[in-house]
Full PDB file with SEQRES, HELIX, SHEET, SSBOND, CRYST1, ORIGX, SCALE, CONECT and MASTER records, all heavy atoms in Angstrom:
SEQRES   1 A   31  SER LEU ALA GLY CYS ALA GLY GLY ASP LEU THR THR ARG          
SEQRES   2 A   31  GLU LYS GLY ALA GLY ILE GLY ALA VAL GLY GLY ALA ALA          
SEQRES   3 A   31  ALA GLY GLY VAL VAL                                          
HELIX    1 AA1 GLY A    4  GLY A    7  5                                   4    
HELIX    2 AA2 THR A   12  VAL A   30  1                                  19    
CRYST1    1.000    1.000    1.000  90.00  90.00  90.00 P 1           1          
ORIGX1      1.000000  0.000000  0.000000        0.00000                         
ORIGX2      0.000000  1.000000  0.000000        0.00000                         
ORIGX3      0.000000  0.000000  1.000000        0.00000                         
SCALE1      1.000000  0.000000  0.000000        0.00000                         
SCALE2      0.000000  1.000000  0.000000        0.00000                         
SCALE3      0.000000  0.000000  1.000000        0.00000                         
ATOM      1  N   SER A   1      -5.579  23.751  32.136  1.00  0.00           N  
ATOM      2  CA  SER A   1      -5.931  22.713  31.149  1.00  0.00           C  
ATOM      3  C   SER A   1      -7.335  22.175  31.403  1.00  0.00           C  
ATOM      4  O   SER A   1      -8.072  21.904  30.463  1.00  0.00           O  
ATOM      5  CB  SER A   1      -4.902  21.586  31.152  1.00  0.00           C  
ATOM      6  OG  SER A   1      -4.952  20.871  32.361  1.00  0.00           O  
ATOM      7  N   LEU A   2      -7.713  22.038  32.655  1.00  0.00           N  
ATOM      8  CA  LEU A   2      -9.075  21.597  32.957  1.00  0.00           C  
ATOM      9  C   LEU A   2     -10.095  22.643  32.543  1.00  0.00           C  
ATOM     10  O   LEU A   2     -11.149  22.320  31.998  1.00  0.00           O  
ATOM     11  CB  LEU A   2      -9.223  21.276  34.448  1.00  0.00           C  
ATOM     12  CG  LEU A   2      -8.574  20.001  34.942  1.00  0.00           C  
ATOM     13  CD1 LEU A   2      -8.796  19.843  36.452  1.00  0.00           C  
ATOM     14  CD2 LEU A   2      -9.102  18.791  34.208  1.00  0.00           C  
ATOM     15  N   ALA A   3      -9.809  23.887  32.821  1.00  0.00           N  
ATOM     16  CA  ALA A   3     -10.738  24.963  32.459  1.00  0.00           C  
ATOM     17  C   ALA A   3     -10.862  25.086  30.946  1.00  0.00           C  
ATOM     18  O   ALA A   3     -11.942  25.350  30.421  1.00  0.00           O  
ATOM     19  CB  ALA A   3     -10.260  26.281  33.054  1.00  0.00           C  
ATOM     20  N   GLY A   4      -9.781  24.872  30.239  1.00  0.00           N  
ATOM     21  CA  GLY A   4      -9.816  24.959  28.785  1.00  0.00           C  
ATOM     22  C   GLY A   4     -10.613  23.851  28.136  1.00  0.00           C  
ATOM     23  O   GLY A   4     -11.163  24.022  27.055  1.00  0.00           O  
ATOM     24  N   CYS A   5     -10.731  22.724  28.787  1.00  0.00           N  
ATOM     25  CA  CYS A   5     -11.457  21.585  28.221  1.00  0.00           C  
ATOM     26  C   CYS A   5     -12.927  21.586  28.599  1.00  0.00           C  
ATOM     27  O   CYS A   5     -13.671  20.706  28.189  1.00  0.00           O  
ATOM     28  CB  CYS A   5     -10.823  20.277  28.699  1.00  0.00           C  
ATOM     29  SG  CYS A   5      -9.155  20.032  28.067  1.00  0.00           S  
ATOM     30  N   ALA A   6     -13.381  22.550  29.363  1.00  0.00           N  
ATOM     31  CA  ALA A   6     -14.754  22.543  29.852  1.00  0.00           C  
ATOM     32  C   ALA A   6     -15.751  23.096  28.856  1.00  0.00           C  
ATOM     33  O   ALA A   6     -16.936  23.073  29.097  1.00  0.00           O  
ATOM     34  CB  ALA A   6     -14.843  23.337  31.160  1.00  0.00           C  
ATOM     35  N   GLY A   7     -15.309  23.599  27.719  1.00  0.00           N  
ATOM     36  CA  GLY A   7     -16.198  24.275  26.787  1.00  0.00           C  
ATOM     37  C   GLY A   7     -16.889  23.384  25.776  1.00  0.00           C  
ATOM     38  O   GLY A   7     -17.570  23.871  24.904  1.00  0.00           O  
ATOM     39  N   GLY A   8     -16.758  22.102  25.826  1.00  0.00           N  
ATOM     40  CA  GLY A   8     -17.392  21.218  24.854  1.00  0.00           C  
ATOM     41  C   GLY A   8     -16.370  20.701  23.845  1.00  0.00           C  
ATOM     42  O   GLY A   8     -15.168  20.704  24.087  1.00  0.00           O  
ATOM     43  N   ASP A   9     -16.879  20.287  22.696  1.00  0.00           N  
ATOM     44  CA  ASP A   9     -16.018  19.731  21.662  1.00  0.00           C  
ATOM     45  C   ASP A   9     -15.077  20.790  21.105  1.00  0.00           C  
ATOM     46  O   ASP A   9     -15.421  21.967  21.015  1.00  0.00           O  
ATOM     47  CB  ASP A   9     -16.861  19.162  20.521  1.00  0.00           C  
ATOM     48  CG  ASP A   9     -17.641  17.928  20.946  1.00  0.00           C  
ATOM     49  OD1 ASP A   9     -17.257  17.302  21.954  1.00  0.00           O  
ATOM     50  OD2 ASP A   9     -18.631  17.597  20.272  1.00  0.00           O  
ATOM     51  N   LEU A  10     -13.901  20.352  20.705  1.00  0.00           N  
ATOM     52  CA  LEU A  10     -12.932  21.258  20.105  1.00  0.00           C  
ATOM     53  C   LEU A  10     -13.275  21.504  18.648  1.00  0.00           C  
ATOM     54  O   LEU A  10     -13.724  20.602  17.936  1.00  0.00           O  
ATOM     55  CB  LEU A  10     -11.523  20.660  20.190  1.00  0.00           C  
ATOM     56  CG  LEU A  10     -10.932  20.469  21.585  1.00  0.00           C  
ATOM     57  CD1 LEU A  10      -9.569  19.770  21.482  1.00  0.00           C  
ATOM     58  CD2 LEU A  10     -10.786  21.786  22.291  1.00  0.00           C  
ATOM     59  N   THR A  11     -13.051  22.726  18.199  1.00  0.00           N  
ATOM     60  CA  THR A  11     -13.233  23.030  16.785  1.00  0.00           C  
ATOM     61  C   THR A  11     -12.021  22.533  16.016  1.00  0.00           C  
ATOM     62  O   THR A  11     -10.994  22.177  16.587  1.00  0.00           O  
ATOM     63  CB  THR A  11     -13.388  24.546  16.573  1.00  0.00           C  
ATOM     64  OG1 THR A  11     -12.169  25.198  16.933  1.00  0.00           O  
ATOM     65  CG2 THR A  11     -14.537  25.117  17.385  1.00  0.00           C  
ATOM     66  N   THR A  12     -12.149  22.534  14.713  1.00  0.00           N  
ATOM     67  CA  THR A  12     -11.028  22.099  13.866  1.00  0.00           C  
ATOM     68  C   THR A  12      -9.828  23.017  14.072  1.00  0.00           C  
ATOM     69  O   THR A  12      -8.688  22.554  14.093  1.00  0.00           O  
ATOM     70  CB  THR A  12     -11.455  22.105  12.392  1.00  0.00           C  
ATOM     71  OG1 THR A  12     -12.608  21.260  12.258  1.00  0.00           O  
ATOM     72  CG2 THR A  12     -10.358  21.592  11.484  1.00  0.00           C  
ATOM     73  N   ARG A  13     -10.090  24.307  14.256  1.00  0.00           N  
ATOM     74  CA  ARG A  13      -8.988  25.242  14.492  1.00  0.00           C  
ATOM     75  C   ARG A  13      -8.266  24.923  15.790  1.00  0.00           C  
ATOM     76  O   ARG A  13      -7.043  24.939  15.866  1.00  0.00           O  
ATOM     77  CB  ARG A  13      -9.519  26.664  14.520  1.00  0.00           C  
ATOM     78  CG  ARG A  13      -8.435  27.685  14.739  1.00  0.00           C  
ATOM     79  CD  ARG A  13      -8.976  29.081  14.736  1.00  0.00           C  
ATOM     80  NE  ARG A  13      -7.868  30.014  14.748  1.00  0.00           N  
ATOM     81  CZ  ARG A  13      -7.992  31.283  14.971  1.00  0.00           C  
ATOM     82  NH1 ARG A  13      -9.176  31.801  15.172  1.00  0.00           N  
ATOM     83  NH2 ARG A  13      -6.946  32.068  14.990  1.00  0.00           N  
ATOM     84  N   GLU A  14      -9.030  24.642  16.843  1.00  0.00           N  
ATOM     85  CA  GLU A  14      -8.428  24.321  18.135  1.00  0.00           C  
ATOM     86  C   GLU A  14      -7.639  23.018  18.079  1.00  0.00           C  
ATOM     87  O   GLU A  14      -6.563  22.906  18.677  1.00  0.00           O  
ATOM     88  CB  GLU A  14      -9.504  24.245  19.215  1.00  0.00           C  
ATOM     89  CG  GLU A  14     -10.158  25.583  19.501  1.00  0.00           C  
ATOM     90  CD  GLU A  14     -11.423  25.478  20.324  1.00  0.00           C  
ATOM     91  OE1 GLU A  14     -12.026  24.385  20.385  1.00  0.00           O  
ATOM     92  OE2 GLU A  14     -11.821  26.504  20.894  1.00  0.00           O  
ATOM     93  N   LYS A  15      -8.156  22.040  17.355  1.00  0.00           N  
ATOM     94  CA  LYS A  15      -7.430  20.777  17.201  1.00  0.00           C  
ATOM     95  C   LYS A  15      -6.112  21.013  16.465  1.00  0.00           C  
ATOM     96  O   LYS A  15      -5.073  20.488  16.848  1.00  0.00           O  
ATOM     97  CB  LYS A  15      -8.277  19.762  16.427  1.00  0.00           C  
ATOM     98  CG  LYS A  15      -9.461  19.232  17.201  1.00  0.00           C  
ATOM     99  CD  LYS A  15     -10.294  18.310  16.331  1.00  0.00           C  
ATOM    100  CE  LYS A  15     -11.580  17.908  17.024  1.00  0.00           C  
ATOM    101  NZ  LYS A  15     -12.428  17.100  16.138  1.00  0.00           N  
ATOM    102  N   GLY A  16      -6.156  21.810  15.400  1.00  0.00           N  
ATOM    103  CA  GLY A  16      -4.944  22.115  14.649  1.00  0.00           C  
ATOM    104  C   GLY A  16      -3.927  22.853  15.495  1.00  0.00           C  
ATOM    105  O   GLY A  16      -2.726  22.571  15.441  1.00  0.00           O  
ATOM    106  N   ALA A  17      -4.409  23.790  16.304  1.00  0.00           N  
ATOM    107  CA  ALA A  17      -3.502  24.546  17.175  1.00  0.00           C  
ATOM    108  C   ALA A  17      -2.856  23.620  18.207  1.00  0.00           C  
ATOM    109  O   ALA A  17      -1.656  23.731  18.483  1.00  0.00           O  
ATOM    110  CB  ALA A  17      -4.266  25.667  17.871  1.00  0.00           C  
ATOM    111  N   GLY A  18      -3.633  22.712  18.772  1.00  0.00           N  
ATOM    112  CA  GLY A  18      -3.082  21.782  19.762  1.00  0.00           C  
ATOM    113  C   GLY A  18      -2.053  20.850  19.166  1.00  0.00           C  
ATOM    114  O   GLY A  18      -0.981  20.645  19.733  1.00  0.00           O  
ATOM    115  N   ILE A  19      -2.366  20.307  18.012  1.00  0.00           N  
ATOM    116  CA  ILE A  19      -1.427  19.403  17.343  1.00  0.00           C  
ATOM    117  C   ILE A  19      -0.157  20.159  16.967  1.00  0.00           C  
ATOM    118  O   ILE A  19       0.963  19.672  17.152  1.00  0.00           O  
ATOM    119  CB  ILE A  19      -2.082  18.753  16.101  1.00  0.00           C  
ATOM    120  CG1 ILE A  19      -3.174  17.790  16.541  1.00  0.00           C  
ATOM    121  CG2 ILE A  19      -1.043  18.047  15.234  1.00  0.00           C  
ATOM    122  CD1 ILE A  19      -4.062  17.303  15.419  1.00  0.00           C  
ATOM    123  N   GLY A  20      -0.320  21.387  16.459  1.00  0.00           N  
ATOM    124  CA  GLY A  20       0.842  22.190  16.087  1.00  0.00           C  
ATOM    125  C   GLY A  20       1.711  22.531  17.292  1.00  0.00           C  
ATOM    126  O   GLY A  20       2.934  22.497  17.211  1.00  0.00           O  
ATOM    127  N   ALA A  21       1.076  22.867  18.419  1.00  0.00           N  
ATOM    128  CA  ALA A  21       1.832  23.232  19.613  1.00  0.00           C  
ATOM    129  C   ALA A  21       2.633  22.035  20.135  1.00  0.00           C  
ATOM    130  O   ALA A  21       3.815  22.170  20.477  1.00  0.00           O  
ATOM    131  CB  ALA A  21       0.887  23.743  20.695  1.00  0.00           C  
ATOM    132  N   VAL A  22       2.011  20.880  20.178  1.00  0.00           N  
ATOM    133  CA  VAL A  22       2.714  19.688  20.671  1.00  0.00           C  
ATOM    134  C   VAL A  22       3.843  19.306  19.718  1.00  0.00           C  
ATOM    135  O   VAL A  22       4.969  19.033  20.148  1.00  0.00           O  
ATOM    136  CB  VAL A  22       1.727  18.516  20.856  1.00  0.00           C  
ATOM    137  CG1 VAL A  22       2.448  17.211  21.138  1.00  0.00           C  
ATOM    138  CG2 VAL A  22       0.744  18.818  21.989  1.00  0.00           C  
ATOM    139  N   GLY A  23       3.556  19.300  18.435  1.00  0.00           N  
ATOM    140  CA  GLY A  23       4.587  18.962  17.451  1.00  0.00           C  
ATOM    141  C   GLY A  23       5.721  19.968  17.450  1.00  0.00           C  
ATOM    142  O   GLY A  23       6.902  19.605  17.381  1.00  0.00           O  
ATOM    143  N   GLY A  24       5.368  21.252  17.541  1.00  0.00           N  
ATOM    144  CA  GLY A  24       6.398  22.291  17.561  1.00  0.00           C  
ATOM    145  C   GLY A  24       7.255  22.211  18.817  1.00  0.00           C  
ATOM    146  O   GLY A  24       8.470  22.415  18.766  1.00  0.00           O  
ATOM    147  N   ALA A  25       6.628  21.930  19.954  1.00  0.00           N  
ATOM    148  CA  ALA A  25       7.389  21.812  21.200  1.00  0.00           C  
ATOM    149  C   ALA A  25       8.341  20.616  21.135  1.00  0.00           C  
ATOM    150  O   ALA A  25       9.490  20.709  21.595  1.00  0.00           O  
ATOM    151  CB  ALA A  25       6.437  21.669  22.385  1.00  0.00           C  
ATOM    152  N   ALA A  26       7.868  19.519  20.568  1.00  0.00           N  
ATOM    153  CA  ALA A  26       8.731  18.343  20.452  1.00  0.00           C  
ATOM    154  C   ALA A  26       9.917  18.633  19.543  1.00  0.00           C  
ATOM    155  O   ALA A  26      11.075  18.343  19.878  1.00  0.00           O  
ATOM    156  CB  ALA A  26       7.930  17.157  19.935  1.00  0.00           C  
ATOM    157  N   ALA A  27       9.630  19.205  18.386  1.00  0.00           N  
ATOM    158  CA  ALA A  27      10.713  19.519  17.451  1.00  0.00           C  
ATOM    159  C   ALA A  27      11.653  20.569  18.033  1.00  0.00           C  
ATOM    160  O   ALA A  27      12.884  20.456  17.925  1.00  0.00           O  
ATOM    161  CB  ALA A  27      10.137  20.013  16.126  1.00  0.00           C  
ATOM    162  N   GLY A  28      11.085  21.594  18.676  1.00  0.00           N  
ATOM    163  CA  GLY A  28      11.908  22.629  19.285  1.00  0.00           C  
ATOM    164  C   GLY A  28      12.759  22.088  20.426  1.00  0.00           C  
ATOM    165  O   GLY A  28      13.898  22.510  20.612  1.00  0.00           O  
ATOM    166  N   GLY A  29      12.225  21.133  21.179  1.00  0.00           N  
ATOM    167  CA  GLY A  29      12.993  20.511  22.248  1.00  0.00           C  
ATOM    168  C   GLY A  29      14.170  19.738  21.721  1.00  0.00           C  
ATOM    169  O   GLY A  29      15.274  19.779  22.298  1.00  0.00           O  
ATOM    170  N   VAL A  30      13.973  19.054  20.611  1.00  0.00           N  
ATOM    171  CA  VAL A  30      15.068  18.293  20.006  1.00  0.00           C  
ATOM    172  C   VAL A  30      16.145  19.240  19.484  1.00  0.00           C  
ATOM    173  O   VAL A  30      17.334  19.051  19.726  1.00  0.00           O  
ATOM    174  CB  VAL A  30      14.536  17.379  18.873  1.00  0.00           C  
ATOM    175  CG1 VAL A  30      15.681  16.780  18.069  1.00  0.00           C  
ATOM    176  CG2 VAL A  30      13.662  16.288  19.450  1.00  0.00           C  
ATOM    177  N   VAL A  31      15.710  20.279  18.776  1.00  0.00           N  
ATOM    178  CA  VAL A  31      16.675  21.248  18.249  1.00  0.00           C  
ATOM    179  C   VAL A  31      17.384  21.968  19.389  1.00  0.00           C  
ATOM    180  O   VAL A  31      18.594  22.163  19.369  1.00  0.00           O  
ATOM    181  CB  VAL A  31      15.972  22.251  17.302  1.00  0.00           C  
ATOM    182  CG1 VAL A  31      16.902  23.384  16.923  1.00  0.00           C  
ATOM    183  CG2 VAL A  31      15.463  21.542  16.062  1.00  0.00           C  
TER     184      VAL A  31                                                      
MASTER        0    0    0    2    0    0    0    6  183    1    0    3          
END                                                                             
């Protein structure tokens, strides 16, 4: 996670992927 954050600002695609992963993990955990 530290190495992944070292590249500068996140692109819109990376932000969308992160939000989707967290939301999907939360929903999948509940299900």
